[in-house]
Amino acid sequence: MNVFFIRHGESMGNRQGKIQGWMDFELSELGIKQAQLLAAYSENLALDYLYSSDLTRAYDTAKAIAARNHLDVRKWTKVREVHLGPLQGLSRPDIYERFPETKERSILTSGLDGTESVEQLTKRCRFVVEQLLLAHQNDNIAIVSHGGFISILLTYLLAGEQWPSLHRAFQIGNTSITHVEWTKEQKPVIHYTNQTIHLSSLLEPSNKIGLL
């Protein structure tokens, strides 16, 4: 089974510097362009199925992929972004001012009242992996999700239930692709993370040196 975890295109929340969580934002103009370039590139992935978070920024990104690959988008709430409760809609400086304890911890796993707990996130990661292995052992799957959740899921794949003890070392950019293959022994192999080669045409000419 090959799974391509894809972050949504730039959203209006990203552009405004807001921590989004479960807040719903549309794609920005740049995000729409990113999604279109991603969709064209996705034709190389030979996808069999396409899942998406139900939040607009992810679902609209997935719809662009679906149109180029003649697939239906299956909404899956389990791959939503981390629920961040009182932090949602705030900028990082505002969060650090109102909740100074977050300076010492990750915003995604702060433990603040009203945010998704480590235990809940662990359960969600376990469920996603179990369901994929149950339904798609021989398929190529794309899942359009969110930067925070994808980085946590990758850390879970490395460490299982002990993932909270690790530093999350994954950078997940807008419309980046992360390829994970599960072997016949149902062990994950991470081929690459955060690939954004499809966005090269958006770079300024002076920044393209060295891309080849």
C-alpha atoms as a PDB file:
ATOM      1  CA  MET A   1       0.000   0.000   0.000  1.00  0.00           C
ATOM      2  CA  ASN A   2       1.271   3.445  -0.966  1.00  0.00           C
ATOM      3  CA  VAL A   3      -0.163   6.486   0.802  1.00  0.00           C
ATOM      4  CA  PHE A   4       0.545  10.038  -0.301  1.00  0.00           C
ATOM      5  CA  PHE A   5      -0.163  12.463   2.541  1.00  0.00           C
ATOM      6  CA  ILE A   6      -0.793  15.917   1.092  1.00  0.00           C
ATOM      7  CA  ARG A   7      -1.182  19.208   2.912  1.00  0.00           C
ATOM      8  CA  HIS A   8      -3.789  21.639   1.605  1.00  0.00           C
ATOM      9  CA  GLY A   9      -2.884  24.736  -0.395  1.00  0.00           C
ATOM     10  CA  GLU A  10      -2.312  28.064   1.274  1.00  0.00           C
ATOM     11  CA  SER A  11      -5.497  29.157   3.038  1.00  0.00           C
ATOM     12  CA  MET A  12      -6.708  32.606   3.987  1.00  0.00           C
ATOM     13  CA  GLY A  13      -5.903  31.638   7.570  1.00  0.00           C
ATOM     14  CA  ASN A  14      -2.303  30.874   6.580  1.00  0.00           C
ATOM     15  CA  ARG A  15      -2.062  34.185   4.744  1.00  0.00           C
ATOM     16  CA  GLN A  16      -3.411  36.051   7.787  1.00  0.00           C
ATOM     17  CA  GLY A  17      -0.962  34.300  10.118  1.00  0.00           C
ATOM     18  CA  LYS A  18      -3.681  32.568  12.135  1.00  0.00           C
ATOM     19  CA  ILE A  19      -3.508  29.241  13.920  1.00  0.00           C
ATOM     20  CA  GLN A  20      -6.449  27.480  12.305  1.00  0.00           C
ATOM     21  CA  GLY A  21      -7.115  24.107  13.908  1.00  0.00           C
ATOM     22  CA  TRP A  22     -10.722  23.234  13.119  1.00  0.00           C
ATOM     23  CA  MET A  23     -11.622  26.756  12.002  1.00  0.00           C
ATOM     24  CA  ASP A  24     -12.710  26.725   8.372  1.00  0.00           C
ATOM     25  CA  PHE A  25     -10.894  28.892   5.839  1.00  0.00           C
ATOM     26  CA  GLU A  26     -10.997  28.944   2.052  1.00  0.00           C
ATOM     27  CA  LEU A  27      -7.913  28.707  -0.118  1.00  0.00           C
ATOM     28  CA  SER A  28      -6.166  31.958  -0.938  1.00  0.00           C
ATOM     29  CA  GLU A  29      -5.479  32.949  -4.554  1.00  0.00           C
ATOM     30  CA  LEU A  30      -2.004  31.450  -4.176  1.00  0.00           C
ATOM     31  CA  GLY A  31      -3.500  28.333  -2.593  1.00  0.00           C
ATOM     32  CA  ILE A  32      -5.737  27.812  -5.627  1.00  0.00           C
ATOM     33  CA  LYS A  33      -2.709  28.032  -7.934  1.00  0.00           C
ATOM     34  CA  GLN A  34      -0.802  25.600  -5.717  1.00  0.00           C
ATOM     35  CA  ALA A  35      -3.712  23.154  -5.802  1.00  0.00           C
ATOM     36  CA  GLN A  36      -3.869  23.317  -9.599  1.00  0.00           C
ATOM     37  CA  LEU A  37      -0.147  22.621  -9.948  1.00  0.00           C
ATOM     38  CA  LEU A  38      -0.415  19.793  -7.411  1.00  0.00           C
ATOM     39  CA  ALA A  39      -3.361  18.317  -9.322  1.00  0.00           C
ATOM     40  CA  ALA A  40      -1.395  18.250 -12.568  1.00  0.00           C
ATOM     41  CA  TYR A  41       1.561  16.586 -10.850  1.00  0.00           C
ATOM     42  CA  SER A  42      -0.693  14.052  -9.094  1.00  0.00           C
ATOM     43  CA  GLU A  43      -1.370  12.343 -12.419  1.00  0.00           C
ATOM     44  CA  ASN A  44       2.063  10.729 -11.925  1.00  0.00           C
ATOM     45  CA  LEU A  45       0.962   8.996  -8.715  1.00  0.00           C
ATOM     46  CA  ALA A  46      -1.439   6.458 -10.287  1.00  0.00           C
ATOM     47  CA  LEU A  47      -3.998   7.018  -7.548  1.00  0.00           C
ATOM     48  CA  ASP A  48      -6.772   4.536  -6.838  1.00  0.00           C
ATOM     49  CA  TYR A  49      -8.547   6.389  -4.020  1.00  0.00           C
ATOM     50  CA  LEU A  50      -8.655   9.931  -2.660  1.00  0.00           C
ATOM     51  CA  TYR A  51      -9.569  10.969   0.880  1.00  0.00           C
ATOM     52  CA  SER A  52      -9.750  14.440   2.386  1.00  0.00           C
ATOM     53  CA  SER A  53     -10.341  16.298   5.590  1.00  0.00           C
ATOM     54  CA  ASP A  54     -13.789  17.868   5.467  1.00  0.00           C
ATOM     55  CA  LEU A  55     -12.401  21.369   6.132  1.00  0.00           C
ATOM     56  CA  THR A  56     -12.731  23.630   3.075  1.00  0.00           C
ATOM     57  CA  ARG A  57      -9.021  24.306   2.556  1.00  0.00           C
ATOM     58  CA  ALA A  58      -8.305  20.589   2.313  1.00  0.00           C
ATOM     59  CA  TYR A  59     -11.465  19.552   0.472  1.00  0.00           C
ATOM     60  CA  ASP A  60     -11.024  22.175  -2.257  1.00  0.00           C
ATOM     61  CA  THR A  61      -7.417  21.035  -2.710  1.00  0.00           C
ATOM     62  CA  ALA A  62      -8.638  17.449  -2.998  1.00  0.00           C
ATOM     63  CA  LYS A  63     -11.291  18.414  -5.555  1.00  0.00           C
ATOM     64  CA  ALA A  64      -8.569  19.750  -7.837  1.00  0.00           C
ATOM     65  CA  ILE A  65      -6.751  16.407  -7.594  1.00  0.00           C
ATOM     66  CA  ALA A  66      -9.992  14.517  -8.183  1.00  0.00           C
ATOM     67  CA  ALA A  67     -10.763  16.414 -11.370  1.00  0.00           C
ATOM     68  CA  ARG A  68      -7.381  15.537 -12.920  1.00  0.00           C
ATOM     69  CA  ASN A  69      -7.515  11.873 -11.867  1.00  0.00           C
ATOM     70  CA  HIS A  70     -11.216  11.100 -12.434  1.00  0.00           C
ATOM     71  CA  LEU A  71     -11.688  10.151  -8.793  1.00  0.00           C
ATOM     72  CA  ASP A  72     -14.296  10.869  -6.140  1.00  0.00           C
ATOM     73  CA  VAL A  73     -13.248  12.667  -2.962  1.00  0.00           C
ATOM     74  CA  ARG A  74     -14.166  10.776   0.194  1.00  0.00           C
ATOM     75  CA  LYS A  75     -14.448  13.104   3.191  1.00  0.00           C
ATOM     76  CA  TRP A  76     -12.790  11.708   6.323  1.00  0.00           C
ATOM     77  CA  THR A  77     -13.071  13.685   9.546  1.00  0.00           C
ATOM     78  CA  LYS A  78     -10.347  11.574  11.162  1.00  0.00           C
ATOM     79  CA  VAL A  79      -7.709  13.380   9.093  1.00  0.00           C
ATOM     80  CA  ARG A  80      -8.787  16.857  10.161  1.00  0.00           C
ATOM     81  CA  GLU A  81      -6.238  19.205  11.680  1.00  0.00           C
ATOM     82  CA  VAL A  82      -5.577  19.029  15.421  1.00  0.00           C
ATOM     83  CA  HIS A  83      -8.392  20.666  17.397  1.00  0.00           C
ATOM     84  CA  LEU A  84      -6.849  23.661  19.175  1.00  0.00           C
ATOM     85  CA  GLY A  85      -9.814  25.095  21.042  1.00  0.00           C
ATOM     86  CA  PRO A  86      -9.048  28.544  22.525  1.00  0.00           C
ATOM     87  CA  LEU A  87      -5.928  28.935  20.356  1.00  0.00           C
ATOM     88  CA  GLN A  88      -7.842  28.824  17.086  1.00  0.00           C
ATOM     89  CA  GLY A  89      -8.009  32.070  15.143  1.00  0.00           C
ATOM     90  CA  LEU A  90      -5.123  33.660  17.035  1.00  0.00           C
ATOM     91  CA  SER A  91      -1.662  34.531  15.776  1.00  0.00           C
ATOM     92  CA  ARG A  92       1.364  32.953  17.443  1.00  0.00           C
ATOM     93  CA  PRO A  93       2.319  36.224  19.214  1.00  0.00           C
ATOM     94  CA  ASP A  94      -1.239  36.496  20.563  1.00  0.00           C
ATOM     95  CA  ILE A  95      -1.141  32.900  21.755  1.00  0.00           C
ATOM     96  CA  TYR A  96       2.178  33.406  23.549  1.00  0.00           C
ATOM     97  CA  GLU A  97       0.827  36.538  25.202  1.00  0.00           C
ATOM     98  CA  ARG A  98      -2.485  35.026  26.346  1.00  0.00           C
ATOM     99  CA  PHE A  99      -1.164  31.536  27.090  1.00  0.00           C
ATOM    100  CA  PRO A 100       2.508  31.973  28.077  1.00  0.00           C
ATOM    101  CA  GLU A 101       2.773  28.291  29.000  1.00  0.00           C
ATOM    102  CA  THR A 102       2.710  27.467  25.265  1.00  0.00           C
ATOM    103  CA  LYS A 103       6.169  29.000  24.891  1.00  0.00           C
ATOM    104  CA  GLU A 104       7.596  25.915  26.554  1.00  0.00           C
ATOM    105  CA  ARG A 105       5.482  23.366  24.654  1.00  0.00           C
ATOM    106  CA  SER A 106       4.245  22.699  21.176  1.00  0.00           C
ATOM    107  CA  ILE A 107       0.995  24.496  20.378  1.00  0.00           C
ATOM    108  CA  LEU A 108      -0.311  21.216  18.962  1.00  0.00           C
ATOM    109  CA  THR A 109       0.164  19.318  22.218  1.00  0.00           C
ATOM    110  CA  SER A 110      -0.106  22.084  24.807  1.00  0.00           C
ATOM    111  CA  GLY A 111      -2.607  20.236  26.999  1.00  0.00           C
ATOM    112  CA  LEU A 112      -4.695  23.389  27.439  1.00  0.00           C
ATOM    113  CA  ASP A 113      -8.359  22.911  28.298  1.00  0.00           C
ATOM    114  CA  GLY A 114     -10.433  22.653  25.153  1.00  0.00           C
ATOM    115  CA  THR A 115      -7.623  21.373  22.933  1.00  0.00           C
ATOM    116  CA  GLU A 116      -7.282  17.857  21.561  1.00  0.00           C
ATOM    117  CA  SER A 117      -5.296  15.711  23.985  1.00  0.00           C
ATOM    118  CA  VAL A 118      -2.281  13.541  23.229  1.00  0.00           C
ATOM    119  CA  GLU A 119      -4.409  10.506  24.047  1.00  0.00           C
ATOM    120  CA  GLN A 120      -7.073  11.559  21.549  1.00  0.00           C
ATOM    121  CA  LEU A 121      -4.468  12.192  18.861  1.00  0.00           C
ATOM    122  CA  THR A 122      -2.858   8.806  19.486  1.00  0.00           C
ATOM    123  CA  LYS A 123      -6.235   7.115  19.119  1.00  0.00           C
ATOM    124  CA  ARG A 124      -6.897   9.027  15.899  1.00  0.00           C
ATOM    125  CA  CYS A 125      -3.529   8.070  14.378  1.00  0.00           C
ATOM    126  CA  ARG A 126      -4.009   4.425  15.308  1.00  0.00           C
ATOM    127  CA  PHE A 127      -7.472   4.377  13.764  1.00  0.00           C
ATOM    128  CA  VAL A 128      -6.330   5.968  10.491  1.00  0.00           C
ATOM    129  CA  VAL A 129      -3.506   3.457  10.033  1.00  0.00           C
ATOM    130  CA  GLU A 130      -5.695   0.487  10.968  1.00  0.00           C
ATOM    131  CA  GLN A 131      -8.439   1.505   8.554  1.00  0.00           C
ATOM    132  CA  LEU A 132      -6.030   2.061   5.685  1.00  0.00           C
ATOM    133  CA  LEU A 133      -4.437  -1.349   6.183  1.00  0.00           C
ATOM    134  CA  LEU A 134      -7.836  -2.967   6.437  1.00  0.00           C
ATOM    135  CA  ALA A 135      -9.276  -1.442   3.266  1.00  0.00           C
ATOM    136  CA  HIS A 136      -6.375  -0.605   0.949  1.00  0.00           C
ATOM    137  CA  GLN A 137      -3.487  -3.053   1.243  1.00  0.00           C
ATOM    138  CA  ASN A 138      -2.838  -3.101  -2.515  1.00  0.00           C
ATOM    139  CA  ASP A 139      -3.850   0.444  -3.453  1.00  0.00           C
ATOM    140  CA  ASN A 140      -2.316   3.868  -4.037  1.00  0.00           C
ATOM    141  CA  ILE A 141      -4.072   6.367  -1.786  1.00  0.00           C
ATOM    142  CA  ALA A 142      -3.912  10.140  -1.489  1.00  0.00           C
ATOM    143  CA  ILE A 143      -5.022  11.801   1.743  1.00  0.00           C
ATOM    144  CA  VAL A 144      -5.359  15.588   1.785  1.00  0.00           C
ATOM    145  CA  SER A 145      -4.920  16.734   5.346  1.00  0.00           C
ATOM    146  CA  HIS A 146      -3.129  19.384   7.414  1.00  0.00           C
ATOM    147  CA  GLY A 147       0.429  20.166   8.448  1.00  0.00           C
ATOM    148  CA  GLY A 148      -0.001  19.547  12.147  1.00  0.00           C
ATOM    149  CA  PHE A 149      -1.822  16.252  11.830  1.00  0.00           C
ATOM    150  CA  ILE A 150       0.481  14.913   9.102  1.00  0.00           C
ATOM    151  CA  SER A 151       3.575  15.683  11.190  1.00  0.00           C
ATOM    152  CA  ILE A 152       2.049  13.964  14.219  1.00  0.00           C
ATOM    153  CA  LEU A 153       1.014  10.926  12.187  1.00  0.00           C
ATOM    154  CA  LEU A 154       4.529  10.575  10.790  1.00  0.00           C
ATOM    155  CA  THR A 155       5.975  10.768  14.293  1.00  0.00           C
ATOM    156  CA  TYR A 156       3.442   8.125  15.376  1.00  0.00           C
ATOM    157  CA  LEU A 157       4.640   5.862  12.554  1.00  0.00           C
ATOM    158  CA  LEU A 158       8.178   6.141  13.897  1.00  0.00           C
ATOM    159  CA  ALA A 159       7.480   5.694  17.598  1.00  0.00           C
ATOM    160  CA  GLY A 160       3.965   4.350  18.047  1.00  0.00           C
ATOM    161  CA  GLU A 161       2.383   5.199  21.389  1.00  0.00           C
ATOM    162  CA  GLN A 162       5.612   6.897  22.480  1.00  0.00           C
ATOM    163  CA  TRP A 163       5.399   9.599  19.791  1.00  0.00           C
ATOM    164  CA  PRO A 164       4.770  12.453  22.290  1.00  0.00           C
ATOM    165  CA  SER A 165       8.262  11.913  23.721  1.00  0.00           C
ATOM    166  CA  LEU A 166       9.891  12.694  20.369  1.00  0.00           C
ATOM    167  CA  HIS A 167      10.587  16.052  18.794  1.00  0.00           C
ATOM    168  CA  ARG A 168       8.379  16.402  15.698  1.00  0.00           C
ATOM    169  CA  ALA A 169      11.082  16.914  13.095  1.00  0.00           C
ATOM    170  CA  PHE A 170       8.875  17.122  10.009  1.00  0.00           C
ATOM    171  CA  GLN A 171       8.337  20.273   7.957  1.00  0.00           C
ATOM    172  CA  ILE A 172       5.069  20.037   6.003  1.00  0.00           C
ATOM    173  CA  GLY A 173       4.555  22.852   3.483  1.00  0.00           C
ATOM    174  CA  ASN A 174       1.423  23.804   1.586  1.00  0.00           C
ATOM    175  CA  THR A 175       0.529  21.136  -1.028  1.00  0.00           C
ATOM    176  CA  SER A 176       3.637  19.158  -0.093  1.00  0.00           C
ATOM    177  CA  ILE A 177       3.542  15.409  -0.734  1.00  0.00           C
ATOM    178  CA  THR A 178       4.788  12.792   1.722  1.00  0.00           C
ATOM    179  CA  HIS A 179       5.025   9.203   0.454  1.00  0.00           C
ATOM    180  CA  VAL A 180       4.698   6.303   2.887  1.00  0.00           C
ATOM    181  CA  GLU A 181       4.640   2.692   1.739  1.00  0.00           C
ATOM    182  CA  TRP A 182       3.473  -0.193   3.885  1.00  0.00           C
ATOM    183  CA  THR A 183       5.300  -3.445   3.129  1.00  0.00           C
ATOM    184  CA  LYS A 184       3.714  -6.890   2.983  1.00  0.00           C
ATOM    185  CA  GLU A 185       4.671  -7.179   6.649  1.00  0.00           C
ATOM    186  CA  GLN A 186       2.577  -4.031   7.252  1.00  0.00           C
ATOM    187  CA  LYS A 187       5.614  -1.991   8.239  1.00  0.00           C
ATOM    188  CA  PRO A 188       5.773   1.643   7.081  1.00  0.00           C
ATOM    189  CA  VAL A 189       8.625   2.902   4.916  1.00  0.00           C
ATOM    190  CA  ILE A 190       8.871   6.674   4.476  1.00  0.00           C
ATOM    191  CA  HIS A 191      10.163   7.327   0.953  1.00  0.00           C
ATOM    192  CA  TYR A 192      10.122  11.117   1.168  1.00  0.00           C
ATOM    193  CA  THR A 193       8.480  14.010   2.989  1.00  0.00           C
ATOM    194  CA  ASN A 194       7.506  17.589   2.106  1.00  0.00           C
ATOM    195  CA  GLN A 195       8.079  17.256  -1.654  1.00  0.00           C
ATOM    196  CA  THR A 196       7.003  20.416  -3.489  1.00  0.00           C
ATOM    197  CA  ILE A 197       8.696  20.062  -6.866  1.00  0.00           C
ATOM    198  CA  HIS A 198       5.357  20.820  -8.521  1.00  0.00           C
ATOM    199  CA  LEU A 199       5.528  24.371  -7.147  1.00  0.00           C
ATOM    200  CA  SER A 200       8.830  25.256  -8.843  1.00  0.00           C
ATOM    201  CA  SER A 201       7.083  27.422 -11.443  1.00  0.00           C
ATOM    202  CA  LEU A 202       5.873  29.731  -8.660  1.00  0.00           C
ATOM    203  CA  LEU A 203       9.412  30.653  -7.644  1.00  0.00           C
ATOM    204  CA  GLU A 204      10.963  33.889  -8.830  1.00  0.00           C
ATOM    205  CA  PRO A 205      13.422  33.254 -11.708  1.00  0.00           C
ATOM    206  CA  SER A 206      16.336  34.317  -9.489  1.00  0.00           C
ATOM    207  CA  ASN A 207      15.388  31.617  -6.986  1.00  0.00           C
ATOM    208  CA  LYS A 208      15.345  28.770  -9.500  1.00  0.00           C
ATOM    209  CA  ILE A 209      19.118  28.390  -9.643  1.00  0.00           C
ATOM    210  CA  GLY A 210      20.108  24.947  -8.405  1.00  0.00           C
ATOM    211  CA  LEU A 211      16.691  23.333  -8.789  1.00  0.00           C
ATOM    212  CA  LEU A 212      17.955  21.072 -11.549  1.00  0.00           C
END
